[in-house]
Structure formats: C-alpha cells, structure tokens
N, C-alpha and C. Protein backbone atom coordinates (compact mmCIF):
# COMPACT_ATOMS: atom_id res chain seq x y z
N UNK A 1 134.62 166.64 163.28
CA UNK A 1 135.32 165.98 162.18
C UNK A 1 134.42 165.97 160.95
N UNK A 2 135.01 166.29 159.83
CA UNK A 2 134.29 166.30 158.56
C UNK A 2 133.86 164.89 158.19
N UNK A 3 132.77 164.79 157.48
CA UNK A 3 132.23 163.49 157.08
C UNK A 3 132.95 162.98 155.83
N UNK A 4 133.40 161.74 155.91
CA UNK A 4 133.99 161.07 154.76
C UNK A 4 133.11 159.91 154.34
N UNK A 5 132.80 159.84 153.07
CA UNK A 5 131.96 158.76 152.54
C UNK A 5 132.66 158.16 151.34
N UNK A 6 132.78 156.84 151.36
CA UNK A 6 133.33 156.16 150.19
C UNK A 6 132.50 154.90 149.95
N UNK A 7 132.50 154.45 148.72
CA UNK A 7 131.73 153.27 148.34
C UNK A 7 132.65 152.30 147.64
N UNK A 8 132.53 151.04 148.00
CA UNK A 8 133.27 150.01 147.29
C UNK A 8 132.45 148.75 147.23
N UNK A 9 132.83 147.88 146.36
CA UNK A 9 132.12 146.63 146.12
C UNK A 9 132.96 145.47 146.65
N UNK A 10 132.35 144.57 147.38
CA UNK A 10 133.00 143.36 147.84
C UNK A 10 132.07 142.21 147.50
N UNK A 11 132.49 141.45 146.50
CA UNK A 11 131.65 140.37 145.96
C UNK A 11 130.30 140.95 145.57
N UNK A 12 129.20 140.48 146.17
CA UNK A 12 127.87 140.96 145.76
C UNK A 12 127.30 142.01 146.71
N UNK A 13 128.17 142.67 147.48
CA UNK A 13 127.72 143.66 148.45
C UNK A 13 128.34 145.02 148.15
N UNK A 14 127.47 146.03 148.10
CA UNK A 14 127.94 147.41 147.98
C UNK A 14 128.12 147.95 149.39
N UNK A 15 129.33 148.42 149.68
CA UNK A 15 129.65 148.87 151.04
C UNK A 15 129.85 150.38 151.04
N UNK A 16 129.10 151.02 151.93
CA UNK A 16 129.20 152.46 152.14
C UNK A 16 129.98 152.67 153.42
N UNK A 17 131.19 153.19 153.30
CA UNK A 17 132.05 153.42 154.47
C UNK A 17 131.88 154.87 154.89
N UNK A 18 131.50 155.07 156.15
CA UNK A 18 131.23 156.40 156.67
C UNK A 18 132.21 156.68 157.81
N UNK A 19 132.90 157.82 157.71
CA UNK A 19 133.90 158.21 158.72
C UNK A 19 133.59 159.63 159.18
N UNK A 20 133.53 159.80 160.50
CA UNK A 20 133.32 161.14 161.05
C UNK A 20 131.93 161.32 161.61
N UNK A 21 131.38 162.51 161.45
CA UNK A 21 130.09 162.88 162.03
C UNK A 21 129.04 163.09 160.96
N UNK A 22 127.91 162.41 161.14
CA UNK A 22 126.77 162.62 160.24
C UNK A 22 125.89 163.66 160.95
N UNK A 23 126.33 164.91 160.84
CA UNK A 23 125.65 166.03 161.49
C UNK A 23 124.48 166.49 160.63
N UNK A 24 123.74 167.44 161.15
CA UNK A 24 122.60 167.97 160.42
C UNK A 24 123.01 168.48 159.04
N UNK A 25 124.19 169.08 158.96
CA UNK A 25 124.67 169.62 157.68
C UNK A 25 125.05 168.51 156.69
N UNK A 26 125.34 167.32 157.21
CA UNK A 26 125.81 166.23 156.35
C UNK A 26 124.76 165.16 156.07
N UNK A 27 123.57 165.30 156.64
CA UNK A 27 122.52 164.29 156.48
C UNK A 27 122.20 164.07 155.00
N UNK A 28 122.13 165.16 154.23
CA UNK A 28 121.78 165.03 152.82
C UNK A 28 122.82 164.19 152.07
N UNK A 29 124.10 164.42 152.32
CA UNK A 29 125.15 163.62 151.66
C UNK A 29 125.02 162.15 152.02
N UNK A 30 124.78 161.88 153.29
CA UNK A 30 124.61 160.50 153.76
C UNK A 30 123.41 159.85 153.07
N UNK A 31 122.30 160.55 153.07
CA UNK A 31 121.08 160.03 152.44
C UNK A 31 121.29 159.78 150.95
N UNK A 32 121.91 160.74 150.29
CA UNK A 32 122.16 160.64 148.84
C UNK A 32 123.04 159.43 148.52
N UNK A 33 124.04 159.17 149.33
CA UNK A 33 124.95 158.04 149.10
C UNK A 33 124.19 156.72 149.18
N UNK A 34 123.31 156.59 150.17
CA UNK A 34 122.52 155.36 150.28
C UNK A 34 121.55 155.27 149.11
N UNK A 35 120.86 156.37 148.84
CA UNK A 35 119.87 156.37 147.75
C UNK A 35 120.51 156.01 146.42
N UNK A 36 121.71 156.49 146.16
CA UNK A 36 122.40 156.16 144.90
C UNK A 36 122.61 154.65 144.77
N UNK A 37 123.01 154.01 145.86
CA UNK A 37 123.22 152.55 145.82
C UNK A 37 121.90 151.82 145.59
N UNK A 38 120.86 152.28 146.26
CA UNK A 38 119.54 151.66 146.11
C UNK A 38 119.04 151.82 144.67
N UNK A 39 119.16 153.02 144.12
CA UNK A 39 118.70 153.28 142.76
C UNK A 39 119.51 152.54 141.70
N UNK A 40 120.76 152.25 141.99
CA UNK A 40 121.59 151.49 141.06
C UNK A 40 121.25 150.01 141.10
N UNK A 41 120.35 149.61 142.00
CA UNK A 41 119.88 148.24 142.04
C UNK A 41 120.70 147.30 142.92
N UNK A 42 121.49 147.84 143.84
CA UNK A 42 122.28 146.98 144.72
C UNK A 42 121.34 146.08 145.52
N UNK A 43 121.61 144.78 145.48
CA UNK A 43 120.78 143.83 146.23
C UNK A 43 121.19 143.75 147.70
N UNK A 44 122.46 144.00 147.96
CA UNK A 44 122.98 143.98 149.34
C UNK A 44 123.75 145.26 149.57
N UNK A 45 123.29 146.03 150.55
CA UNK A 45 123.95 147.28 150.91
C UNK A 45 124.41 147.17 152.36
N UNK A 46 125.69 147.43 152.58
CA UNK A 46 126.24 147.43 153.93
C UNK A 46 126.74 148.84 154.24
N UNK A 47 126.42 149.32 155.42
CA UNK A 47 126.93 150.61 155.86
C UNK A 47 127.95 150.33 156.96
N UNK A 48 129.19 150.70 156.70
CA UNK A 48 130.26 150.51 157.69
C UNK A 48 130.22 151.68 158.66
N UNK A 49 129.76 151.39 159.88
CA UNK A 49 129.59 152.42 160.91
C UNK A 49 130.76 152.46 161.89
N UNK A 50 131.79 151.69 161.64
CA UNK A 50 132.89 151.50 162.58
C UNK A 50 133.62 152.77 162.97
N UNK A 51 133.54 153.81 162.12
CA UNK A 51 134.28 155.03 162.39
C UNK A 51 133.39 156.27 162.45
N UNK A 52 132.12 156.05 162.76
CA UNK A 52 131.21 157.18 162.92
C UNK A 52 131.34 157.71 164.34
N UNK A 53 131.55 159.01 164.46
CA UNK A 53 131.70 159.64 165.77
C UNK A 53 130.39 160.19 166.30
N UNK A 54 129.48 160.54 165.40
CA UNK A 54 128.19 161.11 165.78
C UNK A 54 127.23 160.90 164.62
N UNK A 55 125.95 160.64 164.95
CA UNK A 55 124.94 160.51 163.91
C UNK A 55 123.67 161.23 164.35
N UNK A 56 123.27 162.20 163.57
CA UNK A 56 122.04 162.96 163.78
C UNK A 56 120.85 162.00 163.72
N UNK A 57 119.83 162.26 164.53
CA UNK A 57 118.66 161.37 164.57
C UNK A 57 117.98 161.26 163.21
N UNK A 58 118.01 162.33 162.44
CA UNK A 58 117.43 162.29 161.10
C UNK A 58 118.15 161.27 160.22
N UNK A 59 119.46 161.16 160.38
CA UNK A 59 120.24 160.18 159.62
C UNK A 59 119.86 158.76 160.03
N UNK A 60 119.59 158.55 161.31
CA UNK A 60 119.12 157.23 161.76
C UNK A 60 117.81 156.89 161.07
N UNK A 61 116.91 157.86 161.01
CA UNK A 61 115.63 157.65 160.35
C UNK A 61 115.78 157.31 158.88
N UNK A 62 116.72 157.97 158.22
CA UNK A 62 116.98 157.69 156.81
C UNK A 62 117.49 156.27 156.63
N UNK A 63 118.37 155.86 157.52
CA UNK A 63 118.92 154.50 157.46
C UNK A 63 117.80 153.47 157.63
N UNK A 64 116.91 153.70 158.59
CA UNK A 64 115.79 152.79 158.83
C UNK A 64 114.85 152.78 157.62
N UNK A 65 114.58 153.93 157.07
CA UNK A 65 113.70 154.01 155.90
C UNK A 65 114.25 153.19 154.73
N UNK A 66 115.54 153.33 154.46
CA UNK A 66 116.15 152.54 153.38
C UNK A 66 116.17 151.05 153.72
N UNK A 67 116.40 150.72 154.98
CA UNK A 67 116.35 149.33 155.41
C UNK A 67 114.98 148.73 155.10
N UNK A 68 113.92 149.43 155.47
CA UNK A 68 112.56 148.93 155.24
C UNK A 68 112.22 148.85 153.76
N UNK A 69 112.64 149.86 153.00
CA UNK A 69 112.39 149.84 151.55
C UNK A 69 113.06 148.64 150.90
N UNK A 70 114.33 148.42 151.21
CA UNK A 70 115.05 147.28 150.63
C UNK A 70 114.44 145.96 151.09
N UNK A 71 114.05 145.87 152.34
CA UNK A 71 113.46 144.64 152.87
C UNK A 71 112.17 144.30 152.11
N UNK A 72 111.34 145.30 151.87
CA UNK A 72 110.09 145.08 151.12
C UNK A 72 110.36 144.59 149.70
N UNK A 73 111.50 144.97 149.16
CA UNK A 73 111.85 144.60 147.78
C UNK A 73 112.65 143.30 147.73
N UNK A 74 112.83 142.64 148.86
CA UNK A 74 113.60 141.40 148.91
C UNK A 74 115.10 141.64 148.83
N UNK A 75 115.51 142.86 149.10
CA UNK A 75 116.93 143.19 149.14
C UNK A 75 117.34 143.39 150.58
N UNK A 76 118.61 143.71 150.82
CA UNK A 76 119.11 143.73 152.20
C UNK A 76 119.97 144.96 152.47
N UNK A 77 119.78 145.53 153.65
CA UNK A 77 120.67 146.55 154.17
C UNK A 77 121.09 146.07 155.55
N UNK A 78 122.40 146.07 155.79
CA UNK A 78 122.90 145.70 157.11
C UNK A 78 124.07 146.61 157.46
N UNK A 79 124.50 146.53 158.70
CA UNK A 79 125.57 147.39 159.19
C UNK A 79 126.82 146.58 159.47
N UNK A 80 127.97 147.22 159.28
CA UNK A 80 129.25 146.62 159.64
C UNK A 80 129.83 147.45 160.78
N UNK A 81 130.17 146.77 161.87
CA UNK A 81 130.79 147.46 163.00
C UNK A 81 131.96 146.62 163.50
N UNK A 82 133.16 147.00 163.13
CA UNK A 82 134.35 146.29 163.57
C UNK A 82 134.95 146.91 164.83
N UNK A 83 134.26 147.89 165.40
CA UNK A 83 134.72 148.52 166.63
C UNK A 83 134.20 147.70 167.81
N UNK A 84 135.08 147.01 168.51
CA UNK A 84 134.70 146.11 169.60
C UNK A 84 134.53 146.79 170.95
N UNK A 85 134.75 148.08 171.01
CA UNK A 85 134.61 148.82 172.27
C UNK A 85 133.12 148.97 172.61
N UNK A 86 132.67 148.40 173.74
CA UNK A 86 131.24 148.49 174.09
C UNK A 86 130.77 149.92 174.36
N UNK A 87 131.70 150.84 174.61
CA UNK A 87 131.32 152.23 174.84
C UNK A 87 131.35 153.05 173.54
N UNK A 88 131.64 152.40 172.41
CA UNK A 88 131.67 153.07 171.11
C UNK A 88 130.32 153.74 170.86
N UNK A 89 130.35 154.98 170.40
CA UNK A 89 129.15 155.79 170.21
C UNK A 89 128.05 155.05 169.45
N UNK A 90 128.36 154.48 168.30
CA UNK A 90 127.32 153.85 167.47
C UNK A 90 126.76 152.60 168.14
N UNK A 91 127.58 151.86 168.86
CA UNK A 91 127.08 150.69 169.59
C UNK A 91 126.05 151.13 170.61
N UNK A 92 126.39 152.14 171.38
CA UNK A 92 125.47 152.66 172.40
C UNK A 92 124.20 153.23 171.77
N UNK A 93 124.35 153.96 170.67
CA UNK A 93 123.21 154.57 169.99
C UNK A 93 122.25 153.50 169.47
N UNK A 94 122.78 152.50 168.80
CA UNK A 94 121.93 151.44 168.25
C UNK A 94 121.26 150.63 169.35
N UNK A 95 121.95 150.41 170.45
CA UNK A 95 121.35 149.68 171.57
C UNK A 95 120.27 150.51 172.25
N UNK A 96 120.52 151.79 172.45
CA UNK A 96 119.54 152.63 173.15
C UNK A 96 118.28 152.84 172.32
N UNK A 97 118.39 152.81 171.01
CA UNK A 97 117.22 152.96 170.13
C UNK A 97 116.63 151.61 169.74
N UNK A 98 117.30 150.55 170.17
CA UNK A 98 116.92 149.16 169.88
C UNK A 98 116.98 148.83 168.38
N UNK A 99 117.67 149.66 167.63
CA UNK A 99 117.83 149.36 166.20
C UNK A 99 118.73 148.16 165.98
N UNK A 100 119.54 147.83 166.98
CA UNK A 100 120.38 146.63 166.88
C UNK A 100 119.52 145.37 166.85
N UNK A 101 118.27 145.46 167.25
CA UNK A 101 117.35 144.34 167.19
C UNK A 101 116.62 144.27 165.86
N UNK A 102 116.69 145.34 165.10
CA UNK A 102 115.99 145.42 163.82
C UNK A 102 116.93 145.19 162.64
N UNK A 103 118.04 145.90 162.66
CA UNK A 103 119.00 145.84 161.55
C UNK A 103 120.17 144.96 161.95
N UNK A 104 120.48 144.02 161.08
CA UNK A 104 121.60 143.10 161.36
C UNK A 104 122.92 143.86 161.38
N UNK A 105 123.74 143.55 162.38
CA UNK A 105 125.06 144.17 162.52
C UNK A 105 126.11 143.07 162.45
N UNK A 106 127.06 143.24 161.55
CA UNK A 106 128.11 142.26 161.33
C UNK A 106 129.42 142.82 161.85
N UNK A 107 130.18 141.99 162.55
CA UNK A 107 131.52 142.37 162.99
C UNK A 107 132.51 141.43 162.30
N UNK A 108 133.14 141.90 161.21
CA UNK A 108 134.04 141.03 160.45
C UNK A 108 135.20 140.49 161.26
N UNK A 109 135.68 141.25 162.26
CA UNK A 109 136.83 140.78 163.04
C UNK A 109 136.46 139.63 163.96
N UNK A 110 135.19 139.48 164.30
CA UNK A 110 134.78 138.38 165.17
C UNK A 110 134.36 137.15 164.37
N UNK A 111 134.39 137.23 163.04
CA UNK A 111 133.97 136.10 162.21
C UNK A 111 135.13 135.28 161.68
N UNK A 112 136.30 135.51 162.22
CA UNK A 112 137.47 134.78 161.73
C UNK A 112 137.70 133.54 162.49
C-alpha cells in the first residue's frame, strides 16, 4: 500500500497522520514530514500510527531521534493509536522494541 501522509492542527498539537507502509522507499517522505513540523516550531507533535501497515526500522530510528530532539528542547512528540487490536502491527512493533515504554502512546477512543 502506498504511503499517505497528511498534517492537521488540533488545538496546540500538530498531528501527522500516516496511512500505509513506511517502506525503505518512503522513509525520506516520513522523515521530511516530521522535520517540517519540528522546524516550523511545533511544540507538540503527534504521529497517528493507527493505520500504519509496516514501518521500516530506519523510520523507527527517525521517530526516536525526533522524539529525543524535541524532548531536549522542552517540546513533545507522542503517538496516537486508536487501533485497539492487540495484534495490530504497530502495537506489536512498539512493544517488541520497548519503544512503548519510551514514547507516550495515546488512544483517543479509550479516553472518552
């Protein structure tokens, strides 16, 4: 599946919605989208991972790098995952890499 990236603003949070596969060919687009938000001075960046089917390890590294950069600057990067299926690819990936212990993951559907 081709990668779809869109950005929108919700209150004081810039949200990067990612749909499809962040394959080796698409890592640059993914990285550029996050970097653009960081360079524009977004204080809160959320990456909606709810519809990601696959993520290249390099893309994971880019996400962690931006998380650490923003954290050092007193800004925030967190993930949105509204997919409640425990076998969902990104849930399993984040748990197996233990990134779920590092980067905050928000599930908007469970906060109602």
